[in-house]
Amino acid sequence: MDKNEIIAMVVEKLKTIEAGKEISLKDLVGNELKKYTSADLAEIVAKITKLCEEKNIKLNVESLDQYKGLLSNLPFDIPFLKK
């Protein structure tokens, strides 16, 4: 699965989860993420967030703010929180 397929799949899944639910990229995609670098994963998360905004899928992006600046190679464990 390429990055664009992952992004499209995650956005579709985020449409269907209920408000208040928190779910990580790893939970949504699984082992497919192992082939991507941390930079790739950060890019995927950013594109998912932007696409959700464009499609009016409400995410609590403030919950992502607490992770900004972390020197972490695990951006796939940062949760999306649906509003």
PDB file of N, CA and C in Angstrom:
ATOM      1  N   MET A   1       0.852  -1.176   0.000  1.00  0.00           N
ATOM      2  CA  MET A   1       0.000   0.000   0.000  1.00  0.00           C
ATOM      3  C   MET A   1       0.900   1.242   0.000  1.00  0.00           C
ATOM      4  N   ASP A   2       0.643   2.170  -0.914  1.00  0.00           N
ATOM      5  CA  ASP A   2       1.452   3.388  -0.929  1.00  0.00           C
ATOM      6  C   ASP A   2       0.853   4.444   0.005  1.00  0.00           C
ATOM      7  N   LYS A   3       1.583   5.550   0.161  1.00  0.00           N
ATOM      8  CA  LYS A   3       1.159   6.601   1.104  1.00  0.00           C
ATOM      9  C   LYS A   3      -0.233   7.131   0.792  1.00  0.00           C
ATOM     10  N   ASN A   4      -0.509   7.378  -0.479  1.00  0.00           N
ATOM     11  CA  ASN A   4      -1.815   7.931  -0.844  1.00  0.00           C
ATOM     12  C   ASN A   4      -2.958   6.955  -0.544  1.00  0.00           C
ATOM     13  N   GLU A   5      -2.705   5.667  -0.718  1.00  0.00           N
ATOM     14  CA  GLU A   5      -3.723   4.661  -0.389  1.00  0.00           C
ATOM     15  C   GLU A   5      -3.973   4.621   1.119  1.00  0.00           C
ATOM     16  N   ILE A   6      -2.899   4.727   1.889  1.00  0.00           N
ATOM     17  CA  ILE A   6      -3.034   4.753   3.353  1.00  0.00           C
ATOM     18  C   ILE A   6      -3.835   5.974   3.776  1.00  0.00           C
ATOM     19  N   ILE A   7      -3.491   7.128   3.229  1.00  0.00           N
ATOM     20  CA  ILE A   7      -4.188   8.372   3.579  1.00  0.00           C
ATOM     21  C   ILE A   7      -5.665   8.261   3.259  1.00  0.00           C
ATOM     22  N   ALA A   8      -6.007   7.802   2.069  1.00  0.00           N
ATOM     23  CA  ALA A   8      -7.411   7.666   1.666  1.00  0.00           C
ATOM     24  C   ALA A   8      -8.153   6.686   2.572  1.00  0.00           C
ATOM     25  N   MET A   9      -7.519   5.557   2.885  1.00  0.00           N
ATOM     26  CA  MET A   9      -8.159   4.551   3.729  1.00  0.00           C
ATOM     27  C   MET A   9      -8.411   5.090   5.142  1.00  0.00           C
ATOM     28  N   VAL A  10      -7.423   5.765   5.705  1.00  0.00           N
ATOM     29  CA  VAL A  10      -7.562   6.292   7.065  1.00  0.00           C
ATOM     30  C   VAL A  10      -8.660   7.356   7.119  1.00  0.00           C
ATOM     31  N   VAL A  11      -8.691   8.244   6.142  1.00  0.00           N
ATOM     32  CA  VAL A  11      -9.726   9.284   6.124  1.00  0.00           C
ATOM     33  C   VAL A  11     -11.110   8.640   6.045  1.00  0.00           C
ATOM     34  N   GLU A  12     -11.261   7.616   5.229  1.00  0.00           N
ATOM     35  CA  GLU A  12     -12.555   6.921   5.136  1.00  0.00           C
ATOM     36  C   GLU A  12     -12.930   6.287   6.470  1.00  0.00           C
ATOM     37  N   LYS A  13     -11.961   5.688   7.144  1.00  0.00           N
ATOM     38  CA  LYS A  13     -12.229   5.073   8.453  1.00  0.00           C
ATOM     39  C   LYS A  13     -12.575   6.133   9.498  1.00  0.00           C
ATOM     40  N   LEU A  14     -11.885   7.281   9.436  1.00  0.00           N
ATOM     41  CA  LEU A  14     -12.155   8.341  10.407  1.00  0.00           C
ATOM     42  C   LEU A  14     -13.559   8.920  10.231  1.00  0.00           C
ATOM     43  N   LYS A  15     -14.098   8.839   9.026  1.00  0.00           N
ATOM     44  CA  LYS A  15     -15.479   9.294   8.798  1.00  0.00           C
ATOM     45  C   LYS A  15     -16.465   8.495   9.641  1.00  0.00           C
ATOM     46  N   THR A  16     -16.166   7.227   9.841  1.00  0.00           N
ATOM     47  CA  THR A  16     -17.148   6.326  10.446  1.00  0.00           C
ATOM     48  C   THR A  16     -17.017   6.153  11.957  1.00  0.00           C
ATOM     49  N   ILE A  17     -15.889   6.580  12.538  1.00  0.00           N
ATOM     50  CA  ILE A  17     -15.785   6.393  13.990  1.00  0.00           C
ATOM     51  C   ILE A  17     -16.638   7.430  14.711  1.00  0.00           C
ATOM     52  N   GLU A  18     -17.054   7.079  15.895  1.00  0.00           N
ATOM     53  CA  GLU A  18     -17.937   7.979  16.638  1.00  0.00           C
ATOM     54  C   GLU A  18     -17.155   9.101  17.310  1.00  0.00           C
ATOM     55  N   ALA A  19     -17.829  10.201  17.536  1.00  0.00           N
ATOM     56  CA  ALA A  19     -17.228  11.364  18.192  1.00  0.00           C
ATOM     57  C   ALA A  19     -16.704  10.970  19.561  1.00  0.00           C
ATOM     58  N   GLY A  20     -15.559  11.527  19.921  1.00  0.00           N
ATOM     59  CA  GLY A  20     -14.955  11.263  21.220  1.00  0.00           C
ATOM     60  C   GLY A  20     -14.021  10.065  21.222  1.00  0.00           C
ATOM     61  N   LYS A  21     -14.010   9.302  20.147  1.00  0.00           N
ATOM     62  CA  LYS A  21     -13.140   8.137  20.069  1.00  0.00           C
ATOM     63  C   LYS A  21     -11.746   8.561  19.618  1.00  0.00           C
ATOM     64  N   GLU A  22     -10.751   7.964  20.247  1.00  0.00           N
ATOM     65  CA  GLU A  22      -9.359   8.217  19.927  1.00  0.00           C
ATOM     66  C   GLU A  22      -8.792   6.962  19.277  1.00  0.00           C
ATOM     67  N   ILE A  23      -8.087   7.136  18.166  1.00  0.00           N
ATOM     68  CA  ILE A  23      -7.523   5.980  17.474  1.00  0.00           C
ATOM     69  C   ILE A  23      -6.234   6.398  16.779  1.00  0.00           C
ATOM     70  N   SER A  24      -5.231   5.541  16.843  1.00  0.00           N
ATOM     71  CA  SER A  24      -3.929   5.893  16.260  1.00  0.00           C
ATOM     72  C   SER A  24      -3.818   5.377  14.833  1.00  0.00           C
ATOM     73  N   LEU A  25      -2.862   5.936  14.131  1.00  0.00           N
ATOM     74  CA  LEU A  25      -2.579   5.499  12.770  1.00  0.00           C
ATOM     75  C   LEU A  25      -2.212   4.019  12.766  1.00  0.00           C
ATOM     76  N   LYS A  26      -1.453   3.600  13.751  1.00  0.00           N
ATOM     77  CA  LYS A  26      -1.049   2.197  13.863  1.00  0.00           C
ATOM     78  C   LYS A  26      -2.282   1.298  14.005  1.00  0.00           C
ATOM     79  N   ASP A  27      -3.250   1.723  14.805  1.00  0.00           N
ATOM     80  CA  ASP A  27      -4.478   0.938  14.975  1.00  0.00           C
ATOM     81  C   ASP A  27      -5.287   0.876  13.685  1.00  0.00           C
ATOM     82  N   LEU A  28      -5.237   1.931  12.905  1.00  0.00           N
ATOM     83  CA  LEU A  28      -6.005   1.988  11.662  1.00  0.00           C
ATOM     84  C   LEU A  28      -5.348   1.228  10.518  1.00  0.00           C
ATOM     85  N   VAL A  29      -4.028   1.211  10.484  1.00  0.00           N
ATOM     86  CA  VAL A  29      -3.314   0.650   9.330  1.00  0.00           C
ATOM     87  C   VAL A  29      -2.545  -0.629   9.664  1.00  0.00           C
ATOM     88  N   GLY A  30      -2.037  -0.733  10.876  1.00  0.00           N
ATOM     89  CA  GLY A  30      -1.321  -1.943  11.273  1.00  0.00           C
ATOM     90  C   GLY A  30       0.106  -2.012  10.766  1.00  0.00           C
ATOM     91  N   ASN A  31       0.553  -3.215  10.475  1.00  0.00           N
ATOM     92  CA  ASN A  31       1.952  -3.477  10.126  1.00  0.00           C
ATOM     93  C   ASN A  31       2.404  -2.852   8.822  1.00  0.00           C
ATOM     94  N   GLU A  32       1.486  -2.391   8.021  1.00  0.00           N
ATOM     95  CA  GLU A  32       1.824  -1.739   6.753  1.00  0.00           C
ATOM     96  C   GLU A  32       2.755  -0.546   6.976  1.00  0.00           C
ATOM     97  N   LEU A  33       2.698   0.038   8.174  1.00  0.00           N
ATOM     98  CA  LEU A  33       3.486   1.235   8.469  1.00  0.00           C
ATOM     99  C   LEU A  33       4.968   0.955   8.662  1.00  0.00           C
ATOM    100  N   LYS A  34       5.322  -0.288   8.881  1.00  0.00           N
ATOM    101  CA  LYS A  34       6.721  -0.624   9.178  1.00  0.00           C
ATOM    102  C   LYS A  34       7.688  -0.247   8.061  1.00  0.00           C
ATOM    103  N   LYS A  35       7.186  -0.163   6.833  1.00  0.00           N
ATOM    104  CA  LYS A  35       8.089   0.132   5.720  1.00  0.00           C
ATOM    105  C   LYS A  35       8.350   1.633   5.537  1.00  0.00           C
ATOM    106  N   TYR A  36       7.714   2.465   6.344  1.00  0.00           N
ATOM    107  CA  TYR A  36       7.860   3.916   6.204  1.00  0.00           C
ATOM    108  C   TYR A  36       8.775   4.493   7.268  1.00  0.00           C
ATOM    109  N   THR A  37       9.478   5.555   6.897  1.00  0.00           N
ATOM    110  CA  THR A  37      10.351   6.256   7.840  1.00  0.00           C
ATOM    111  C   THR A  37       9.512   7.173   8.726  1.00  0.00           C
ATOM    112  N   SER A  38      10.137   7.701   9.749  1.00  0.00           N
ATOM    113  CA  SER A  38       9.448   8.654  10.633  1.00  0.00           C
ATOM    114  C   SER A  38       9.000   9.882   9.857  1.00  0.00           C
ATOM    115  N   ALA A  39       9.846  10.347   8.942  1.00  0.00           N
ATOM    116  CA  ALA A  39       9.482  11.514   8.122  1.00  0.00           C
ATOM    117  C   ALA A  39       8.270  11.199   7.256  1.00  0.00           C
ATOM    118  N   ASP A  40       8.235  10.003   6.681  1.00  0.00           N
ATOM    119  CA  ASP A  40       7.074   9.582   5.883  1.00  0.00           C
ATOM    120  C   ASP A  40       5.811   9.571   6.735  1.00  0.00           C
ATOM    121  N   LEU A  41       5.918   9.023   7.938  1.00  0.00           N
ATOM    122  CA  LEU A  41       4.757   8.918   8.821  1.00  0.00           C
ATOM    123  C   LEU A  41       4.260  10.286   9.258  1.00  0.00           C
ATOM    124  N   ALA A  42       5.186  11.194   9.534  1.00  0.00           N
ATOM    125  CA  ALA A  42       4.790  12.552   9.898  1.00  0.00           C
ATOM    126  C   ALA A  42       4.058  13.213   8.731  1.00  0.00           C
ATOM    127  N   GLU A  43       4.541  12.984   7.513  1.00  0.00           N
ATOM    128  CA  GLU A  43       3.891  13.520   6.318  1.00  0.00           C
ATOM    129  C   GLU A  43       2.491  12.921   6.142  1.00  0.00           C
ATOM    130  N   ILE A  44       2.371  11.631   6.374  1.00  0.00           N
ATOM    131  CA  ILE A  44       1.073  10.953   6.261  1.00  0.00           C
ATOM    132  C   ILE A  44       0.082  11.551   7.257  1.00  0.00           C
ATOM    133  N   VAL A  45       0.508  11.716   8.503  1.00  0.00           N
ATOM    134  CA  VAL A  45      -0.370  12.282   9.538  1.00  0.00           C
ATOM    135  C   VAL A  45      -0.801  13.696   9.152  1.00  0.00           C
ATOM    136  N   ALA A  46       0.134  14.500   8.656  1.00  0.00           N
ATOM    137  CA  ALA A  46      -0.195  15.878   8.257  1.00  0.00           C
ATOM    138  C   ALA A  46      -1.208  15.889   7.116  1.00  0.00           C
ATOM    139  N   LYS A  47      -1.027  15.007   6.142  1.00  0.00           N
ATOM    140  CA  LYS A  47      -1.950  14.957   5.015  1.00  0.00           C
ATOM    141  C   LYS A  47      -3.319  14.442   5.427  1.00  0.00           C
ATOM    142  N   ILE A  48      -3.359  13.493   6.341  1.00  0.00           N
ATOM    143  CA  ILE A  48      -4.641  12.996   6.851  1.00  0.00           C
ATOM    144  C   ILE A  48      -5.391  14.124   7.549  1.00  0.00           C
ATOM    145  N   THR A  49      -4.690  14.856   8.396  1.00  0.00           N
ATOM    146  CA  THR A  49      -5.304  15.963   9.128  1.00  0.00           C
ATOM    147  C   THR A  49      -5.853  17.013   8.171  1.00  0.00           C
ATOM    148  N   LYS A  50      -5.069  17.363   7.153  1.00  0.00           N
ATOM    149  CA  LYS A  50      -5.506  18.362   6.176  1.00  0.00           C
ATOM    150  C   LYS A  50      -6.706  17.872   5.373  1.00  0.00           C
ATOM    151  N   LEU A  51      -6.666  16.627   4.926  1.00  0.00           N
ATOM    152  CA  LEU A  51      -7.765  16.078   4.134  1.00  0.00           C
ATOM    153  C   LEU A  51      -9.049  15.980   4.962  1.00  0.00           C
ATOM    154  N   CYS A  52      -8.916  15.616   6.229  1.00  0.00           N
ATOM    155  CA  CYS A  52     -10.095  15.574   7.107  1.00  0.00           C
ATOM    156  C   CYS A  52     -10.711  16.963   7.230  1.00  0.00           C
ATOM    157  N   GLU A  53      -9.862  17.967   7.363  1.00  0.00           N
ATOM    158  CA  GLU A  53     -10.358  19.339   7.453  1.00  0.00           C
ATOM    159  C   GLU A  53     -11.107  19.715   6.172  1.00  0.00           C
ATOM    160  N   GLU A  54     -10.529  19.383   5.023  1.00  0.00           N
ATOM    161  CA  GLU A  54     -11.168  19.689   3.738  1.00  0.00           C
ATOM    162  C   GLU A  54     -12.500  18.970   3.566  1.00  0.00           C
ATOM    163  N   LYS A  55     -12.602  17.765   4.117  1.00  0.00           N
ATOM    164  CA  LYS A  55     -13.826  16.960   3.984  1.00  0.00           C
ATOM    165  C   LYS A  55     -14.789  17.179   5.151  1.00  0.00           C
ATOM    166  N   ASN A  56     -14.469  18.159   6.003  1.00  0.00           N
ATOM    167  CA  ASN A  56     -15.308  18.503   7.147  1.00  0.00           C
ATOM    168  C   ASN A  56     -15.467  17.344   8.141  1.00  0.00           C
ATOM    169  N   ILE A  57     -14.417  16.549   8.272  1.00  0.00           N
ATOM    170  CA  ILE A  57     -14.369  15.513   9.300  1.00  0.00           C
ATOM    171  C   ILE A  57     -13.682  16.169  10.492  1.00  0.00           C
ATOM    172  N   LYS A  58     -14.418  16.334  11.553  1.00  0.00           N
ATOM    173  CA  LYS A  58     -13.922  17.095  12.700  1.00  0.00           C
ATOM    174  C   LYS A  58     -12.998  16.249  13.567  1.00  0.00           C
ATOM    175  N   LEU A  59     -11.747  16.670  13.623  1.00  0.00           N
ATOM    176  CA  LEU A  59     -10.777  16.053  14.515  1.00  0.00           C
ATOM    177  C   LEU A  59     -10.361  17.090  15.538  1.00  0.00           C
ATOM    178  N   ASN A  60     -10.034  16.630  16.714  1.00  0.00           N
ATOM    179  CA  ASN A  60      -9.546  17.523  17.746  1.00  0.00           C
ATOM    180  C   ASN A  60      -8.041  17.697  17.524  1.00  0.00           C
ATOM    181  N   VAL A  61      -7.681  18.636  16.659  1.00  0.00           N
ATOM    182  CA  VAL A  61      -6.263  18.828  16.333  1.00  0.00           C
ATOM    183  C   VAL A  61      -5.477  19.365  17.518  1.00  0.00           C
ATOM    184  N   GLU A  62      -6.160  19.949  18.477  1.00  0.00           N
ATOM    185  CA  GLU A  62      -5.469  20.407  19.683  1.00  0.00           C
ATOM    186  C   GLU A  62      -4.843  19.216  20.397  1.00  0.00           C
ATOM    187  N   SER A  63      -5.453  18.038  20.275  1.00  0.00           N
ATOM    188  CA  SER A  63      -4.875  16.860  20.920  1.00  0.00           C
ATOM    189  C   SER A  63      -3.544  16.482  20.275  1.00  0.00           C
ATOM    190  N   LEU A  64      -3.339  16.858  19.006  1.00  0.00           N
ATOM    191  CA  LEU A  64      -2.067  16.592  18.332  1.00  0.00           C
ATOM    192  C   LEU A  64      -1.004  17.602  18.736  1.00  0.00           C
ATOM    193  N   ASP A  65      -1.425  18.802  19.156  1.00  0.00           N
ATOM    194  CA  ASP A  65      -0.472  19.855  19.507  1.00  0.00           C
ATOM    195  C   ASP A  65       0.475  19.446  20.630  1.00  0.00           C
ATOM    196  N   GLN A  66       0.001  18.618  21.546  1.00  0.00           N
ATOM    197  CA  GLN A  66       0.851  18.220  22.668  1.00  0.00           C
ATOM    198  C   GLN A  66       2.051  17.386  22.211  1.00  0.00           C
ATOM    199  N   TYR A  67       1.997  16.869  20.984  1.00  0.00           N
ATOM    200  CA  TYR A  67       3.091  16.051  20.478  1.00  0.00           C
ATOM    201  C   TYR A  67       4.068  16.824  19.607  1.00  0.00           C
ATOM    202  N   LYS A  68       3.742  18.078  19.282  1.00  0.00           N
ATOM    203  CA  LYS A  68       4.631  18.883  18.444  1.00  0.00           C
ATOM    204  C   LYS A  68       5.967  19.082  19.153  1.00  0.00           C
ATOM    205  N   GLY A  69       7.017  18.956  18.386  1.00  0.00           N
ATOM    206  CA  GLY A  69       8.338  19.175  18.937  1.00  0.00           C
ATOM    207  C   GLY A  69       8.939  17.983  19.651  1.00  0.00           C
ATOM    208  N   LEU A  70       8.186  16.927  19.795  1.00  0.00           N
ATOM    209  CA  LEU A  70       8.746  15.736  20.419  1.00  0.00           C
ATOM    210  C   LEU A  70       9.740  15.089  19.476  1.00  0.00           C
ATOM    211  N   LEU A  71      10.846  14.689  20.000  1.00  0.00           N
ATOM    212  CA  LEU A  71      11.808  13.950  19.193  1.00  0.00           C
ATOM    213  C   LEU A  71      11.443  12.487  19.307  1.00  0.00           C
ATOM    214  N   SER A  72      10.505  12.090  18.499  1.00  0.00           N
ATOM    215  CA  SER A  72       9.982  10.738  18.574  1.00  0.00           C
ATOM    216  C   SER A  72       9.987  10.135  17.195  1.00  0.00           C
ATOM    217  N   ASN A  73      10.290   8.865  17.129  1.00  0.00           N
ATOM    218  CA  ASN A  73      10.197   8.192  15.847  1.00  0.00           C
ATOM    219  C   ASN A  73       8.929   7.358  15.778  1.00  0.00           C
ATOM    220  N   LEU A  74       7.948   7.704  16.584  1.00  0.00           N
ATOM    221  CA  LEU A  74       6.716   6.931  16.632  1.00  0.00           C
ATOM    222  C   LEU A  74       5.478   7.770  16.335  1.00  0.00           C
ATOM    223  N   PRO A  75       5.470   8.555  15.252  1.00  0.00           N
ATOM    224  CA  PRO A  75       4.286   9.375  14.979  1.00  0.00           C
ATOM    225  C   PRO A  75       3.053   8.537  14.677  1.00  0.00           C
ATOM    226  N   PHE A  76       3.240   7.250  14.400  1.00  0.00           N
ATOM    227  CA  PHE A  76       2.096   6.388  14.113  1.00  0.00           C
ATOM    228  C   PHE A  76       1.337   6.002  15.364  1.00  0.00           C
ATOM    229  N   ASP A  77       1.881   6.292  16.548  1.00  0.00           N
ATOM    230  CA  ASP A  77       1.175   6.006  17.796  1.00  0.00           C
ATOM    231  C   ASP A  77       0.435   7.223  18.339  1.00  0.00           C
ATOM    232  N   ILE A  78       0.616   8.373  17.706  1.00  0.00           N
ATOM    233  CA  ILE A  78      -0.101   9.575  18.117  1.00  0.00           C
ATOM    234  C   ILE A  78      -1.557   9.425  17.698  1.00  0.00           C
ATOM    235  N   PRO A  79      -2.491   9.594  18.626  1.00  0.00           N
ATOM    236  CA  PRO A  79      -3.889   9.319  18.290  1.00  0.00           C
ATOM    237  C   PRO A  79      -4.593  10.487  17.579  1.00  0.00           C
ATOM    238  N   PHE A  80      -5.528  10.123  16.728  1.00  0.00           N
ATOM    239  CA  PHE A  80      -6.497  11.067  16.179  1.00  0.00           C
ATOM    240  C   PHE A  80      -7.689  11.032  17.132  1.00  0.00           C
ATOM    241  N   LEU A  81      -8.236  12.186  17.483  1.00  0.00           N
ATOM    242  CA  LEU A  81      -9.403  12.258  18.350  1.00  0.00           C
ATOM    243  C   LEU A  81     -10.516  12.909  17.559  1.00  0.00           C
ATOM    244  N   LYS A  82     -11.589  12.169  17.323  1.00  0.00           N
ATOM    245  CA  LYS A  82     -12.694  12.697  16.538  1.00  0.00           C
ATOM    246  C   LYS A  82     -13.590  13.528  17.426  1.00  0.00           C
ATOM    247  N   LYS A  83     -13.971  14.717  16.909  1.00  0.00           N
ATOM    248  CA  LYS A  83     -14.883  15.616  17.646  1.00  0.00           C
ATOM    249  C   LYS A  83     -16.302  15.197  17.410  1.00  0.00           C
TER     250      LYS A  83
END
